[in-house]
Amino acid sequence: MTTATLERIPAPRTAEGSTPRSISLEFSSASEVHAGLEEAVTELIGVAAQEAACGILVTKLHPGRYTVALDESVPFGETYESIAA
């Protein structure tokens, strides 16, 4: 039996009670990546809908490490994927 863990690294908040604009995720198992990213994107869709000014960028930093963030270069209503060099 194998155990997978998902670590959500809290993003710093800019003001008391403000909503996060990015979520950092680290996965120990490839089988957990899809569900974890879906959950993070869903969370930020709510934030993006309130502002209606940007979309969401999912960036793979290295194997098992991702950032999901609101990004003004992404059109509202869209989600783009990127791989950090």
Protein backbone atom coordinates (compact mmCIF):
# COMPACT_ATOMS: atom_id res chain seq x y z
CA MET A 1 0.00 0.00 0.00
CA THR A 2 1.29 3.46 -0.90
CA THR A 3 0.33 6.76 0.64
CA ALA A 4 0.15 10.02 -1.26
CA THR A 5 0.29 13.39 0.39
CA LEU A 6 -0.61 16.81 -0.89
CA GLU A 7 1.05 19.80 0.68
CA ARG A 8 -0.58 23.17 0.20
CA ILE A 9 1.92 25.90 0.86
CA PRO A 10 0.06 28.97 2.12
CA ALA A 11 0.50 32.10 0.06
CA PRO A 12 1.23 35.29 1.95
CA ARG A 13 -1.83 37.49 2.35
CA THR A 14 -1.56 41.14 1.49
CA ALA A 15 -4.29 42.42 3.80
CA GLU A 16 -6.24 41.07 6.73
CA GLY A 17 -8.96 38.73 5.39
CA SER A 18 -8.03 39.12 1.72
CA THR A 19 -8.39 36.18 -0.62
CA PRO A 20 -5.31 34.46 -2.03
CA ARG A 21 -4.27 35.28 -5.60
CA SER A 22 -2.02 32.22 -5.86
CA ILE A 23 -1.80 28.72 -4.44
CA SER A 24 1.42 26.68 -4.26
CA LEU A 25 1.04 22.91 -4.34
CA GLU A 26 3.46 20.04 -3.87
CA PHE A 27 2.50 16.44 -4.62
CA SER A 28 4.30 13.26 -3.60
CA SER A 29 2.36 11.08 -6.04
CA ALA A 30 1.49 11.62 -9.70
CA SER A 31 -1.95 10.15 -9.10
CA GLU A 32 -2.85 13.12 -6.87
CA VAL A 33 -1.85 15.89 -9.30
CA HIS A 34 -5.05 16.14 -11.36
CA ALA A 35 -7.46 16.30 -8.42
CA GLY A 36 -5.24 18.72 -6.49
CA LEU A 37 -4.89 21.10 -9.42
CA GLU A 38 -8.62 20.94 -10.16
CA GLU A 39 -9.40 21.90 -6.56
CA ALA A 40 -6.99 24.85 -6.65
CA VAL A 41 -8.30 26.10 -10.01
CA THR A 42 -11.89 25.84 -8.76
CA GLU A 43 -10.98 27.90 -5.70
CA LEU A 44 -9.41 30.65 -7.80
CA ILE A 45 -12.27 30.68 -10.32
CA GLY A 46 -14.43 32.15 -7.56
CA VAL A 47 -11.88 34.88 -6.90
CA ALA A 48 -11.43 35.61 -10.62
CA ALA A 49 -15.20 35.84 -11.13
CA GLN A 50 -15.44 38.58 -8.49
CA GLU A 51 -12.82 40.71 -10.25
CA ALA A 52 -13.62 39.73 -13.88
CA ALA A 53 -10.20 41.09 -14.87
CA CYS A 54 -7.91 38.09 -15.29
CA GLY A 55 -7.67 34.37 -15.88
CA ILE A 56 -5.76 31.57 -14.19
CA LEU A 57 -2.24 30.34 -14.91
CA VAL A 58 -1.13 26.88 -13.78
CA THR A 59 2.67 26.64 -13.73
CA LYS A 60 4.65 23.43 -13.29
CA LEU A 61 7.78 24.45 -11.41
CA HIS A 62 9.35 20.98 -11.26
CA PRO A 63 8.01 17.43 -10.93
CA GLY A 64 5.35 17.45 -8.24
CA ARG A 65 5.48 21.22 -7.62
CA TYR A 66 2.92 23.64 -9.10
CA THR A 67 1.61 27.16 -8.69
CA VAL A 68 -1.97 28.09 -9.56
CA ALA A 69 -2.39 31.87 -9.78
CA LEU A 70 -4.56 34.67 -11.06
CA ASP A 71 -2.69 36.24 -13.95
CA GLU A 72 -3.56 39.42 -15.86
CA SER A 73 -1.87 38.09 -19.02
CA VAL A 74 -4.52 35.33 -19.18
CA PRO A 75 -7.92 36.46 -20.51
CA PHE A 76 -10.82 36.37 -18.06
CA GLY A 77 -12.63 33.02 -18.19
CA GLU A 78 -9.59 31.07 -19.40
CA THR A 79 -6.98 28.86 -17.74
CA TYR A 80 -3.51 28.50 -19.26
CA GLU A 81 -0.76 26.02 -18.42
CA SER A 82 2.95 26.78 -18.32
CA ILE A 83 6.17 24.95 -17.52
CA ALA A 84 8.85 27.00 -15.76
CA ALA A 85 12.20 26.85 -17.50
